[in-house]
Amino acid sequence: MTDLTDLASKLLDLQKQDHFTPRSYRTEIEDSIRFSTEHGYGDLAIKVRDLWDHLSDSDHKKELLDPNKTKKLNIYQKKQKAYQMRKEGISYSAIADYIGISSTTIYKWRQEFQRKQLY
């Protein structure tokens, strides 16, 4: 796991220097690999991807987010978390993936919250 973390941080630093921005949250990995290959550090990206692929599904979940915090949230907490993340500029699809619900629901929650703020 430490090897993956070290390689990934090096890759992210290189991408940040070259101003990498993925098209969307859902295509971030593919965009990252393509960008890395075009800028001459594709071998590093491939090593990171291969190490990531060797992790079990439970390890993937630990890397992406803390499942203990998101899976046990009640509906009110999910709404508050979604609104907070949206205020931070995170996309609807990223929030939906994080919380585990549809992006349409998150949009509806945001509208509901804004209506309540007006009254």
PDB file of N, CA and C in Angstrom:
ATOM      1  N   MET A   1       0.835  -1.193   0.000  1.00  0.00           N
ATOM      2  CA  MET A   1       0.000   0.000   0.000  1.00  0.00           C
ATOM      3  C   MET A   1       0.877   1.253   0.000  1.00  0.00           C
ATOM      4  N   THR A   2       2.006   1.197   0.719  1.00  0.00           N
ATOM      5  CA  THR A   2       2.894   2.356   0.775  1.00  0.00           C
ATOM      6  C   THR A   2       3.494   2.647  -0.594  1.00  0.00           C
ATOM      7  N   ASP A   3       3.850   1.582  -1.332  1.00  0.00           N
ATOM      8  CA  ASP A   3       4.391   1.778  -2.677  1.00  0.00           C
ATOM      9  C   ASP A   3       3.383   2.494  -3.568  1.00  0.00           C
ATOM     10  N   LEU A   4       2.138   2.070  -3.494  1.00  0.00           N
ATOM     11  CA  LEU A   4       1.089   2.703  -4.289  1.00  0.00           C
ATOM     12  C   LEU A   4       0.934   4.170  -3.909  1.00  0.00           C
ATOM     13  N   THR A   5       0.943   4.449  -2.627  1.00  0.00           N
ATOM     14  CA  THR A   5       0.791   5.823  -2.157  1.00  0.00           C
ATOM     15  C   THR A   5       1.943   6.697  -2.635  1.00  0.00           C
ATOM     16  N   ASP A   6       3.165   6.184  -2.535  1.00  0.00           N
ATOM     17  CA  ASP A   6       4.337   6.953  -2.975  1.00  0.00           C
ATOM     18  C   ASP A   6       4.300   7.224  -4.477  1.00  0.00           C
ATOM     19  N   LEU A   7       4.031   6.183  -5.251  1.00  0.00           N
ATOM     20  CA  LEU A   7       3.978   6.356  -6.706  1.00  0.00           C
ATOM     21  C   LEU A   7       2.851   7.295  -7.118  1.00  0.00           C
ATOM     22  N   ALA A   8       1.701   7.123  -6.495  1.00  0.00           N
ATOM     23  CA  ALA A   8       0.555   7.973  -6.838  1.00  0.00           C
ATOM     24  C   ALA A   8       0.831   9.427  -6.490  1.00  0.00           C
ATOM     25  N   SER A   9       1.480   9.679  -5.358  1.00  0.00           N
ATOM     26  CA  SER A   9       1.766  11.070  -4.989  1.00  0.00           C
ATOM     27  C   SER A   9       2.765  11.696  -5.954  1.00  0.00           C
ATOM     28  N   LYS A  10       3.751  10.928  -6.410  1.00  0.00           N
ATOM     29  CA  LYS A  10       4.695  11.443  -7.413  1.00  0.00           C
ATOM     30  C   LYS A  10       3.961  11.781  -8.708  1.00  0.00           C
ATOM     31  N   LEU A  11       3.081  10.875  -9.114  1.00  0.00           N
ATOM     32  CA  LEU A  11       2.317  11.094 -10.341  1.00  0.00           C
ATOM     33  C   LEU A  11       1.435  12.328 -10.222  1.00  0.00           C
ATOM     34  N   LEU A  12       0.757  12.471  -9.100  1.00  0.00           N
ATOM     35  CA  LEU A  12      -0.109  13.636  -8.899  1.00  0.00           C
ATOM     36  C   LEU A  12       0.688  14.934  -8.887  1.00  0.00           C
ATOM     37  N   ASP A  13       1.873  14.903  -8.284  1.00  0.00           N
ATOM     38  CA  ASP A  13       2.722  16.100  -8.280  1.00  0.00           C
ATOM     39  C   ASP A  13       3.123  16.492  -9.700  1.00  0.00           C
ATOM     40  N   LEU A  14       3.512  15.504 -10.502  1.00  0.00           N
ATOM     41  CA  LEU A  14       3.879  15.783 -11.894  1.00  0.00           C
ATOM     42  C   LEU A  14       2.686  16.327 -12.676  1.00  0.00           C
ATOM     43  N   GLN A  15       1.523  15.738 -12.466  1.00  0.00           N
ATOM     44  CA  GLN A  15       0.331  16.197 -13.176  1.00  0.00           C
ATOM     45  C   GLN A  15      -0.053  17.606 -12.746  1.00  0.00           C
ATOM     46  N   LYS A  16       0.103  17.894 -11.474  1.00  0.00           N
ATOM     47  CA  LYS A  16      -0.230  19.232 -10.977  1.00  0.00           C
ATOM     48  C   LYS A  16       0.699  20.273 -11.602  1.00  0.00           C
ATOM     49  N   GLN A  17       1.979  19.928 -11.747  1.00  0.00           N
ATOM     50  CA  GLN A  17       2.936  20.847 -12.372  1.00  0.00           C
ATOM     51  C   GLN A  17       2.548  21.148 -13.820  1.00  0.00           C
ATOM     52  N   ASP A  18       2.002  20.158 -14.500  1.00  0.00           N
ATOM     53  CA  ASP A  18       1.614  20.322 -15.904  1.00  0.00           C
ATOM     54  C   ASP A  18       0.159  20.742 -16.076  1.00  0.00           C
ATOM     55  N   HIS A  19      -0.497  21.119 -14.983  1.00  0.00           N
ATOM     56  CA  HIS A  19      -1.870  21.649 -14.996  1.00  0.00           C
ATOM     57  C   HIS A  19      -2.889  20.654 -15.543  1.00  0.00           C
ATOM     58  N   PHE A  20      -2.850  19.414 -15.054  1.00  0.00           N
ATOM     59  CA  PHE A  20      -3.810  18.386 -15.452  1.00  0.00           C
ATOM     60  C   PHE A  20      -5.171  18.665 -14.829  1.00  0.00           C
ATOM     61  N   THR A  21      -6.222  18.623 -15.670  1.00  0.00           N
ATOM     62  CA  THR A  21      -7.595  18.703 -15.170  1.00  0.00           C
ATOM     63  C   THR A  21      -8.427  17.662 -15.909  1.00  0.00           C
ATOM     64  N   PRO A  22      -9.042  16.727 -15.184  1.00  0.00           N
ATOM     65  CA  PRO A  22      -9.864  15.715 -15.848  1.00  0.00           C
ATOM     66  C   PRO A  22     -11.148  16.332 -16.387  1.00  0.00           C
ATOM     67  N   ARG A  23     -11.718  15.697 -17.409  1.00  0.00           N
ATOM     68  CA  ARG A  23     -12.975  16.189 -17.983  1.00  0.00           C
ATOM     69  C   ARG A  23     -14.113  16.077 -16.987  1.00  0.00           C
ATOM     70  N   SER A  24     -14.128  14.995 -16.235  1.00  0.00           N
ATOM     71  CA  SER A  24     -15.169  14.815 -15.222  1.00  0.00           C
ATOM     72  C   SER A  24     -14.666  13.850 -14.166  1.00  0.00           C
ATOM     73  N   TYR A  25     -15.387  13.767 -13.074  1.00  0.00           N
ATOM     74  CA  TYR A  25     -15.013  12.865 -11.987  1.00  0.00           C
ATOM     75  C   TYR A  25     -15.024  11.415 -12.454  1.00  0.00           C
ATOM     76  N   ARG A  26     -15.975  11.063 -13.298  1.00  0.00           N
ATOM     77  CA  ARG A  26     -16.124   9.674 -13.725  1.00  0.00           C
ATOM     78  C   ARG A  26     -15.027   9.225 -14.688  1.00  0.00           C
ATOM     79  N   THR A  27     -14.410  10.140 -15.431  1.00  0.00           N
ATOM     80  CA  THR A  27     -13.361   9.771 -16.384  1.00  0.00           C
ATOM     81  C   THR A  27     -11.980  10.158 -15.886  1.00  0.00           C
ATOM     82  N   GLU A  28     -11.858  10.454 -14.615  1.00  0.00           N
ATOM     83  CA  GLU A  28     -10.598  10.966 -14.075  1.00  0.00           C
ATOM     84  C   GLU A  28      -9.434   9.994 -14.265  1.00  0.00           C
ATOM     85  N   ILE A  29      -9.645   8.706 -14.024  1.00  0.00           N
ATOM     86  CA  ILE A  29      -8.557   7.738 -14.132  1.00  0.00           C
ATOM     87  C   ILE A  29      -8.092   7.612 -15.574  1.00  0.00           C
ATOM     88  N   GLU A  30      -9.035   7.467 -16.509  1.00  0.00           N
ATOM     89  CA  GLU A  30      -8.661   7.344 -17.920  1.00  0.00           C
ATOM     90  C   GLU A  30      -7.967   8.613 -18.412  1.00  0.00           C
ATOM     91  N   ASP A  31      -8.491   9.769 -18.032  1.00  0.00           N
ATOM     92  CA  ASP A  31      -7.880  11.037 -18.428  1.00  0.00           C
ATOM     93  C   ASP A  31      -6.476  11.160 -17.849  1.00  0.00           C
ATOM     94  N   SER A  32      -6.303  10.694 -16.627  1.00  0.00           N
ATOM     95  CA  SER A  32      -5.001  10.761 -15.968  1.00  0.00           C
ATOM     96  C   SER A  32      -3.969   9.911 -16.703  1.00  0.00           C
ATOM     97  N   ILE A  33      -4.348   8.701 -17.075  1.00  0.00           N
ATOM     98  CA  ILE A  33      -3.439   7.808 -17.807  1.00  0.00           C
ATOM     99  C   ILE A  33      -3.075   8.420 -19.156  1.00  0.00           C
ATOM    100  N   ARG A  34      -4.074   8.912 -19.881  1.00  0.00           N
ATOM    101  CA  ARG A  34      -3.831   9.518 -21.193  1.00  0.00           C
ATOM    102  C   ARG A  34      -2.906  10.735 -21.060  1.00  0.00           C
ATOM    103  N   PHE A  35      -3.197  11.599 -20.109  1.00  0.00           N
ATOM    104  CA  PHE A  35      -2.401  12.796 -19.878  1.00  0.00           C
ATOM    105  C   PHE A  35      -0.958  12.420 -19.525  1.00  0.00           C
ATOM    106  N   SER A  36      -0.802  11.425 -18.667  1.00  0.00           N
ATOM    107  CA  SER A  36       0.529  10.992 -18.243  1.00  0.00           C
ATOM    108  C   SER A  36       1.335  10.456 -19.413  1.00  0.00           C
ATOM    109  N   THR A  37       0.696   9.690 -20.271  1.00  0.00           N
ATOM    110  CA  THR A  37       1.378   9.140 -21.437  1.00  0.00           C
ATOM    111  C   THR A  37       1.818  10.255 -22.381  1.00  0.00           C
ATOM    112  N   GLU A  38       0.948  11.222 -22.610  1.00  0.00           N
ATOM    113  CA  GLU A  38       1.261  12.334 -23.507  1.00  0.00           C
ATOM    114  C   GLU A  38       2.392  13.208 -22.972  1.00  0.00           C
ATOM    115  N   HIS A  39       2.548  13.281 -21.657  1.00  0.00           N
ATOM    116  CA  HIS A  39       3.572  14.139 -21.069  1.00  0.00           C
ATOM    117  C   HIS A  39       4.834  13.387 -20.655  1.00  0.00           C
ATOM    118  N   GLY A  40       4.957  12.126 -21.066  1.00  0.00           N
ATOM    119  CA  GLY A  40       6.205  11.406 -20.891  1.00  0.00           C
ATOM    120  C   GLY A  40       6.380  10.692 -19.564  1.00  0.00           C
ATOM    121  N   TYR A  41       5.377  10.606 -18.756  1.00  0.00           N
ATOM    122  CA  TYR A  41       5.508   9.812 -17.528  1.00  0.00           C
ATOM    123  C   TYR A  41       4.412   8.765 -17.434  1.00  0.00           C
ATOM    124  N   GLY A  42       4.136   8.161 -18.566  1.00  0.00           N
ATOM    125  CA  GLY A  42       3.107   7.132 -18.645  1.00  0.00           C
ATOM    126  C   GLY A  42       3.463   5.854 -17.912  1.00  0.00           C
ATOM    127  N   ASP A  43       4.775   5.505 -17.852  1.00  0.00           N
ATOM    128  CA  ASP A  43       5.179   4.295 -17.134  1.00  0.00           C
ATOM    129  C   ASP A  43       4.795   4.378 -15.665  1.00  0.00           C
ATOM    130  N   LEU A  44       4.959   5.554 -15.088  1.00  0.00           N
ATOM    131  CA  LEU A  44       4.586   5.750 -13.689  1.00  0.00           C
ATOM    132  C   LEU A  44       3.080   5.579 -13.511  1.00  0.00           C
ATOM    133  N   ALA A  45       2.311   6.121 -14.442  1.00  0.00           N
ATOM    134  CA  ALA A  45       0.853   5.989 -14.371  1.00  0.00           C
ATOM    135  C   ALA A  45       0.432   4.530 -14.506  1.00  0.00           C
ATOM    136  N   ILE A  46       1.097   3.798 -15.370  1.00  0.00           N
ATOM    137  CA  ILE A  46       0.770   2.384 -15.558  1.00  0.00           C
ATOM    138  C   ILE A  46       1.100   1.582 -14.303  1.00  0.00           C
ATOM    139  N   LYS A  47       2.224   1.900 -13.649  1.00  0.00           N
ATOM    140  CA  LYS A  47       2.566   1.221 -12.390  1.00  0.00           C
ATOM    141  C   LYS A  47       1.514   1.485 -11.324  1.00  0.00           C
ATOM    142  N   VAL A  48       1.073   2.731 -11.232  1.00  0.00           N
ATOM    143  CA  VAL A  48       0.041   3.078 -10.250  1.00  0.00           C
ATOM    144  C   VAL A  48      -1.239   2.309 -10.552  1.00  0.00           C
ATOM    145  N   ARG A  49      -1.637   2.283 -11.815  1.00  0.00           N
ATOM    146  CA  ARG A  49      -2.860   1.567 -12.191  1.00  0.00           C
ATOM    147  C   ARG A  49      -2.743   0.075 -11.895  1.00  0.00           C
ATOM    148  N   ASP A  50      -1.583  -0.523 -12.212  1.00  0.00           N
ATOM    149  CA  ASP A  50      -1.401  -1.954 -11.961  1.00  0.00           C
ATOM    150  C   ASP A  50      -1.450  -2.277 -10.474  1.00  0.00           C
ATOM    151  N   LEU A  51      -0.803  -1.456  -9.653  1.00  0.00           N
ATOM    152  CA  LEU A  51      -0.869  -1.677  -8.208  1.00  0.00           C
ATOM    153  C   LEU A  51      -2.299  -1.527  -7.706  1.00  0.00           C
ATOM    154  N   TRP A  52      -3.000  -0.546  -8.244  1.00  0.00           N
ATOM    155  CA  TRP A  52      -4.399  -0.315  -7.847  1.00  0.00           C
ATOM    156  C   TRP A  52      -5.261  -1.521  -8.225  1.00  0.00           C
ATOM    157  N   ASP A  53      -5.032  -2.070  -9.412  1.00  0.00           N
ATOM    158  CA  ASP A  53      -5.816  -3.219  -9.868  1.00  0.00           C
ATOM    159  C   ASP A  53      -5.584  -4.460  -9.012  1.00  0.00           C
ATOM    160  N   HIS A  54      -4.418  -4.557  -8.374  1.00  0.00           N
ATOM    161  CA  HIS A  54      -4.112  -5.719  -7.541  1.00  0.00           C
ATOM    162  C   HIS A  54      -4.737  -5.635  -6.153  1.00  0.00           C
ATOM    163  N   LEU A  55      -5.246  -4.478  -5.787  1.00  0.00           N
ATOM    164  CA  LEU A  55      -5.900  -4.349  -4.488  1.00  0.00           C
ATOM    165  C   LEU A  55      -7.256  -5.041  -4.519  1.00  0.00           C
ATOM    166  N   SER A  56      -7.688  -5.532  -3.389  1.00  0.00           N
ATOM    167  CA  SER A  56      -9.018  -6.141  -3.320  1.00  0.00           C
ATOM    168  C   SER A  56     -10.076  -5.044  -3.322  1.00  0.00           C
ATOM    169  N   ASP A  57     -11.323  -5.414  -3.520  1.00  0.00           N
ATOM    170  CA  ASP A  57     -12.411  -4.437  -3.525  1.00  0.00           C
ATOM    171  C   ASP A  57     -12.519  -3.708  -2.200  1.00  0.00           C
ATOM    172  N   SER A  58     -12.286  -4.400  -1.104  1.00  0.00           N
ATOM    173  CA  SER A  58     -12.375  -3.732   0.201  1.00  0.00           C
ATOM    174  C   SER A  58     -11.274  -2.688   0.347  1.00  0.00           C
ATOM    175  N   ASP A  59     -10.093  -2.963  -0.208  1.00  0.00           N
ATOM    176  CA  ASP A  59      -9.012  -1.976  -0.165  1.00  0.00           C
ATOM    177  C   ASP A  59      -9.353  -0.762  -1.013  1.00  0.00           C
ATOM    178  N   HIS A  60     -10.023  -0.985  -2.163  1.00  0.00           N
ATOM    179  CA  HIS A  60     -10.441   0.133  -3.008  1.00  0.00           C
ATOM    180  C   HIS A  60     -11.370   1.060  -2.244  1.00  0.00           C
ATOM    181  N   LYS A  61     -12.312   0.482  -1.534  1.00  0.00           N
ATOM    182  CA  LYS A  61     -13.255   1.302  -0.782  1.00  0.00           C
ATOM    183  C   LYS A  61     -12.542   2.120   0.282  1.00  0.00           C
ATOM    184  N   LYS A  62     -11.554   1.523   0.930  1.00  0.00           N
ATOM    185  CA  LYS A  62     -10.804   2.256   1.954  1.00  0.00           C
ATOM    186  C   LYS A  62     -10.037   3.415   1.333  1.00  0.00           C
ATOM    187  N   GLU A  63      -9.522   3.208   0.137  1.00  0.00           N
ATOM    188  CA  GLU A  63      -8.770   4.260  -0.541  1.00  0.00           C
ATOM    189  C   GLU A  63      -9.678   5.396  -0.998  1.00  0.00           C
ATOM    190  N   LEU A  64     -10.868   5.079  -1.468  1.00  0.00           N
ATOM    191  CA  LEU A  64     -11.758   6.096  -2.014  1.00  0.00           C
ATOM    192  C   LEU A  64     -12.419   6.944  -0.941  1.00  0.00           C
ATOM    193  N   LEU A  65     -12.949   6.308   0.073  1.00  0.00           N
ATOM    194  CA  LEU A  65     -13.640   7.043   1.126  1.00  0.00           C
ATOM    195  C   LEU A  65     -13.776   6.148   2.343  1.00  0.00           C
ATOM    196  N   ASP A  66     -14.143   6.737   3.442  1.00  0.00           N
ATOM    197  CA  ASP A  66     -14.337   5.979   4.661  1.00  0.00           C
ATOM    198  C   ASP A  66     -15.769   5.465   4.684  1.00  0.00           C
ATOM    199  N   PRO A  67     -15.984   4.174   4.427  1.00  0.00           N
ATOM    200  CA  PRO A  67     -17.348   3.662   4.345  1.00  0.00           C
ATOM    201  C   PRO A  67     -18.106   3.765   5.661  1.00  0.00           C
ATOM    202  N   ASN A  68     -17.403   3.799   6.764  1.00  0.00           N
ATOM    203  CA  ASN A  68     -18.074   3.908   8.061  1.00  0.00           C
ATOM    204  C   ASN A  68     -18.798   5.237   8.202  1.00  0.00           C
ATOM    205  N   LYS A  69     -18.290   6.260   7.564  1.00  0.00           N
ATOM    206  CA  LYS A  69     -18.905   7.580   7.687  1.00  0.00           C
ATOM    207  C   LYS A  69     -20.075   7.768   6.737  1.00  0.00           C
ATOM    208  N   THR A  70     -19.994   7.217   5.531  1.00  0.00           N
ATOM    209  CA  THR A  70     -21.035   7.493   4.547  1.00  0.00           C
ATOM    210  C   THR A  70     -22.178   6.493   4.565  1.00  0.00           C
ATOM    211  N   LYS A  71     -21.914   5.239   4.813  1.00  0.00           N
ATOM    212  CA  LYS A  71     -22.957   4.221   4.726  1.00  0.00           C
ATOM    213  C   LYS A  71     -23.940   4.296   5.884  1.00  0.00           C
ATOM    214  N   LYS A  72     -23.519   4.826   7.020  1.00  0.00           N
ATOM    215  CA  LYS A  72     -24.379   4.844   8.195  1.00  0.00           C
ATOM    216  C   LYS A  72     -25.068   6.190   8.409  1.00  0.00           C
ATOM    217  N   LEU A  73     -24.956   7.078   7.457  1.00  0.00           N
ATOM    218  CA  LEU A  73     -25.610   8.372   7.593  1.00  0.00           C
ATOM    219  C   LEU A  73     -27.113   8.222   7.403  1.00  0.00           C
ATOM    220  N   ASN A  74     -27.883   8.924   8.211  1.00  0.00           N
ATOM    221  CA  ASN A  74     -29.324   8.929   7.978  1.00  0.00           C
ATOM    222  C   ASN A  74     -29.625   9.929   6.862  1.00  0.00           C
ATOM    223  N   ILE A  75     -30.861  10.001   6.439  1.00  0.00           N
ATOM    224  CA  ILE A  75     -31.220  10.833   5.282  1.00  0.00           C
ATOM    225  C   ILE A  75     -30.923  12.307   5.536  1.00  0.00           C
ATOM    226  N   TYR A  76     -31.175  12.774   6.742  1.00  0.00           N
ATOM    227  CA  TYR A  76     -30.902  14.176   7.067  1.00  0.00           C
ATOM    228  C   TYR A  76     -29.408  14.469   6.970  1.00  0.00           C
ATOM    229  N   GLN A  77     -28.583  13.568   7.495  1.00  0.00           N
ATOM    230  CA  GLN A  77     -27.134  13.760   7.433  1.00  0.00           C
ATOM    231  C   GLN A  77     -26.632  13.706   5.991  1.00  0.00           C
ATOM    232  N   LYS A  78     -27.229  12.826   5.189  1.00  0.00           N
ATOM    233  CA  LYS A  78     -26.833  12.752   3.779  1.00  0.00           C
ATOM    234  C   LYS A  78     -27.164  14.053   3.059  1.00  0.00           C
ATOM    235  N   LYS A  79     -28.335  14.611   3.346  1.00  0.00           N
ATOM    236  CA  LYS A  79     -28.721  15.879   2.723  1.00  0.00           C
ATOM    237  C   LYS A  79     -27.760  16.989   3.122  1.00  0.00           C
ATOM    238  N   GLN A  80     -27.427  17.060   4.389  1.00  0.00           N
ATOM    239  CA  GLN A  80     -26.514  18.103   4.868  1.00  0.00           C
ATOM    240  C   GLN A  80     -25.130  17.939   4.246  1.00  0.00           C
ATOM    241  N   LYS A  81     -24.643  16.696   4.186  1.00  0.00           N
ATOM    242  CA  LYS A  81     -23.329  16.429   3.603  1.00  0.00           C
ATOM    243  C   LYS A  81     -23.328  16.797   2.118  1.00  0.00           C
ATOM    244  N   ALA A  82     -24.392  16.452   1.410  1.00  0.00           N
ATOM    245  CA  ALA A  82     -24.492  16.774  -0.016  1.00  0.00           C
ATOM    246  C   ALA A  82     -24.494  18.285  -0.226  1.00  0.00           C
ATOM    247  N   TYR A  83     -25.258  18.999   0.591  1.00  0.00           N
ATOM    248  CA  TYR A  83     -25.312  20.455   0.450  1.00  0.00           C
ATOM    249  C   TYR A  83     -23.952  21.079   0.750  1.00  0.00           C
ATOM    250  N   GLN A  84     -23.295  20.586   1.779  1.00  0.00           N
ATOM    251  CA  GLN A  84     -21.977  21.109   2.145  1.00  0.00           C
ATOM    252  C   GLN A  84     -20.966  20.868   1.016  1.00  0.00           C
ATOM    253  N   MET A  85     -20.968  19.658   0.452  1.00  0.00           N
ATOM    254  CA  MET A  85     -20.042  19.340  -0.633  1.00  0.00           C
ATOM    255  C   MET A  85     -20.345  20.184  -1.866  1.00  0.00           C
ATOM    256  N   ARG A  86     -21.628  20.434  -2.139  1.00  0.00           N
ATOM    257  CA  ARG A  86     -22.004  21.249  -3.297  1.00  0.00           C
ATOM    258  C   ARG A  86     -21.538  22.686  -3.118  1.00  0.00           C
ATOM    259  N   LYS A  87     -21.626  23.196  -1.881  1.00  0.00           N
ATOM    260  CA  LYS A  87     -21.142  24.549  -1.604  1.00  0.00           C
ATOM    261  C   LYS A  87     -19.638  24.659  -1.840  1.00  0.00           C
ATOM    262  N   GLU A  88     -18.928  23.549  -1.660  1.00  0.00           N
ATOM    263  CA  GLU A  88     -17.486  23.521  -1.892  1.00  0.00           C
ATOM    264  C   GLU A  88     -17.147  23.410  -3.374  1.00  0.00           C
ATOM    265  N   GLY A  89     -18.165  23.276  -4.221  1.00  0.00           N
ATOM    266  CA  GLY A  89     -17.943  23.228  -5.664  1.00  0.00           C
ATOM    267  C   GLY A  89     -17.783  21.831  -6.232  1.00  0.00           C
ATOM    268  N   ILE A  90     -18.076  20.819  -5.464  1.00  0.00           N
ATOM    269  CA  ILE A  90     -17.960  19.445  -5.934  1.00  0.00           C
ATOM    270  C   ILE A  90     -19.161  19.129  -6.823  1.00  0.00           C
ATOM    271  N   SER A  91     -18.916  18.409  -7.906  1.00  0.00           N
ATOM    272  CA  SER A  91     -19.973  18.132  -8.885  1.00  0.00           C
ATOM    273  C   SER A  91     -21.039  17.197  -8.318  1.00  0.00           C
ATOM    274  N   TYR A  92     -22.221  17.255  -8.940  1.00  0.00           N
ATOM    275  CA  TYR A  92     -23.326  16.396  -8.515  1.00  0.00           C
ATOM    276  C   TYR A  92     -22.953  14.919  -8.620  1.00  0.00           C
ATOM    277  N   SER A  93     -22.274  14.541  -9.709  1.00  0.00           N
ATOM    278  CA  SER A  93     -21.924  13.127  -9.889  1.00  0.00           C
ATOM    279  C   SER A  93     -20.914  12.662  -8.847  1.00  0.00           C
ATOM    280  N   ALA A  94     -19.959  13.517  -8.486  1.00  0.00           N
ATOM    281  CA  ALA A  94     -18.981  13.150  -7.459  1.00  0.00           C
ATOM    282  C   ALA A  94     -19.656  12.981  -6.103  1.00  0.00           C
ATOM    283  N   ILE A  95     -20.580  13.871  -5.789  1.00  0.00           N
ATOM    284  CA  ILE A  95     -21.315  13.779  -4.521  1.00  0.00           C
ATOM    285  C   ILE A  95     -22.160  12.512  -4.508  1.00  0.00           C
ATOM    286  N   ALA A  96     -22.813  12.233  -5.625  1.00  0.00           N
ATOM    287  CA  ALA A  96     -23.659  11.036  -5.715  1.00  0.00           C
ATOM    288  C   ALA A  96     -22.837   9.770  -5.502  1.00  0.00           C
ATOM    289  N   ASP A  97     -21.652   9.707  -6.106  1.00  0.00           N
ATOM    290  CA  ASP A  97     -20.781   8.550  -5.916  1.00  0.00           C
ATOM    291  C   ASP A  97     -20.333   8.439  -4.465  1.00  0.00           C
ATOM    292  N   TYR A  98     -20.037   9.553  -3.844  1.00  0.00           N
ATOM    293  CA  TYR A  98     -19.551   9.570  -2.465  1.00  0.00           C
ATOM    294  C   TYR A  98     -20.630   9.114  -1.487  1.00  0.00           C
ATOM    295  N   ILE A  99     -21.845   9.628  -1.659  1.00  0.00           N
ATOM    296  CA  ILE A  99     -22.927   9.329  -0.721  1.00  0.00           C
ATOM    297  C   ILE A  99     -23.646   8.031  -1.087  1.00  0.00           C
ATOM    298  N   GLY A 100     -23.650   7.695  -2.369  1.00  0.00           N
ATOM    299  CA  GLY A 100     -24.279   6.455  -2.802  1.00  0.00           C
ATOM    300  C   GLY A 100     -25.724   6.609  -3.242  1.00  0.00           C
ATOM    301  N   ILE A 101     -26.059   7.761  -3.823  1.00  0.00           N
ATOM    302  CA  ILE A 101     -27.403   8.005  -4.346  1.00  0.00           C
ATOM    303  C   ILE A 101     -27.281   8.679  -5.706  1.00  0.00           C
ATOM    304  N   SER A 102     -28.405   8.910  -6.375  1.00  0.00           N
ATOM    305  CA  SER A 102     -28.350   9.490  -7.719  1.00  0.00           C
ATOM    306  C   SER A 102     -28.074  10.996  -7.670  1.00  0.00           C
ATOM    307  N   SER A 103     -27.461  11.499  -8.728  1.00  0.00           N
ATOM    308  CA  SER A 103     -27.157  12.934  -8.800  1.00  0.00           C
ATOM    309  C   SER A 103     -28.438  13.762  -8.928  1.00  0.00           C
ATOM    310  N   THR A 104     -29.485  13.180  -9.507  1.00  0.00           N
ATOM    311  CA  THR A 104     -30.769  13.878  -9.598  1.00  0.00           C
ATOM    312  C   THR A 104     -31.335  14.141  -8.207  1.00  0.00           C
ATOM    313  N   THR A 105     -31.206  13.173  -7.330  1.00  0.00           N
ATOM    314  CA  THR A 105     -31.674  13.335  -5.951  1.00  0.00           C
ATOM    315  C   THR A 105     -30.912  14.457  -5.264  1.00  0.00           C
ATOM    316  N   ILE A 106     -29.631  14.530  -5.503  1.00  0.00           N
ATOM    317  CA  ILE A 106     -28.823  15.584  -4.886  1.00  0.00           C
ATOM    318  C   ILE A 106     -29.262  16.949  -5.388  1.00  0.00           C
ATOM    319  N   TYR A 107     -29.545  17.050  -6.682  1.00  0.00           N
ATOM    320  CA  TYR A 107     -30.022  18.306  -7.249  1.00  0.00           C
ATOM    321  C   TYR A 107     -31.359  18.703  -6.614  1.00  0.00           C
ATOM    322  N   LYS A 108     -32.250  17.735  -6.451  1.00  0.00           N
ATOM    323  CA  LYS A 108     -33.546  18.016  -5.824  1.00  0.00           C
ATOM    324  C   LYS A 108     -33.371  18.461  -4.377  1.00  0.00           C
ATOM    325  N   TRP A 109     -32.451  17.819  -3.661  1.00  0.00           N
ATOM    326  CA  TRP A 109     -32.182  18.215  -2.274  1.00  0.00           C
ATOM    327  C   TRP A 109     -31.686  19.651  -2.210  1.00  0.00           C
ATOM    328  N   ARG A 110     -30.829  20.012  -3.162  1.00  0.00           N
ATOM    329  CA  ARG A 110     -30.293  21.376  -3.182  1.00  0.00           C
ATOM    330  C   ARG A 110     -31.414  22.385  -3.401  1.00  0.00           C
ATOM    331  N   GLN A 111     -32.303  22.089  -4.339  1.00  0.00           N
ATOM    332  CA  GLN A 111     -33.441  22.979  -4.585  1.00  0.00           C
ATOM    333  C   GLN A 111     -34.333  23.077  -3.352  1.00  0.00           C
ATOM    334  N   GLU A 112     -34.568  21.967  -2.703  1.00  0.00           N
ATOM    335  CA  GLU A 112     -35.387  21.943  -1.488  1.00  0.00           C
ATOM    336  C   GLU A 112     -34.744  22.805  -0.395  1.00  0.00           C
ATOM    337  N   PHE A 113     -33.448  22.672  -0.246  1.00  0.00           N
ATOM    338  CA  PHE A 113     -32.733  23.439   0.766  1.00  0.00           C
ATOM    339  C   PHE A 113     -32.802  24.937   0.468  1.00  0.00           C
ATOM    340  N   GLN A 114     -32.660  25.302  -0.801  1.00  0.00           N
ATOM    341  CA  GLN A 114     -32.724  26.716  -1.179  1.00  0.00           C
ATOM    342  C   GLN A 114     -34.117  27.289  -0.948  1.00  0.00           C
ATOM    343  N   ARG A 115     -35.159  26.497  -1.219  1.00  0.00           N
ATOM    344  CA  ARG A 115     -36.524  26.965  -0.956  1.00  0.00           C
ATOM    345  C   ARG A 115     -36.729  27.225   0.532  1.00  0.00           C
ATOM    346  N   LYS A 116     -36.202  26.353   1.370  1.00  0.00           N
ATOM    347  CA  LYS A 116     -36.339  26.524   2.820  1.00  0.00           C
ATOM    348  C   LYS A 116     -35.602  27.770   3.300  1.00  0.00           C
ATOM    349  N   GLN A 117     -34.510  28.105   2.634  1.00  0.00           N
ATOM    350  CA  GLN A 117     -33.727  29.281   3.022  1.00  0.00           C
ATOM    351  C   GLN A 117     -34.478  30.573   2.721  1.00  0.00           C
ATOM    352  N   LEU A 118     -35.362  30.548   1.730  1.00  0.00           N
ATOM    353  CA  LEU A 118     -36.103  31.752   1.353  1.00  0.00           C
ATOM    354  C   LEU A 118     -37.194  32.101   2.357  1.00  0.00           C
ATOM    355  N   TYR A 119     -37.676  31.136   3.085  1.00  0.00           N
ATOM    356  CA  TYR A 119     -38.783  31.366   4.018  1.00  0.00           C
ATOM    357  C   TYR A 119     -38.311  31.568   5.424  1.00  0.00           C
TER     358      TYR A 119
END
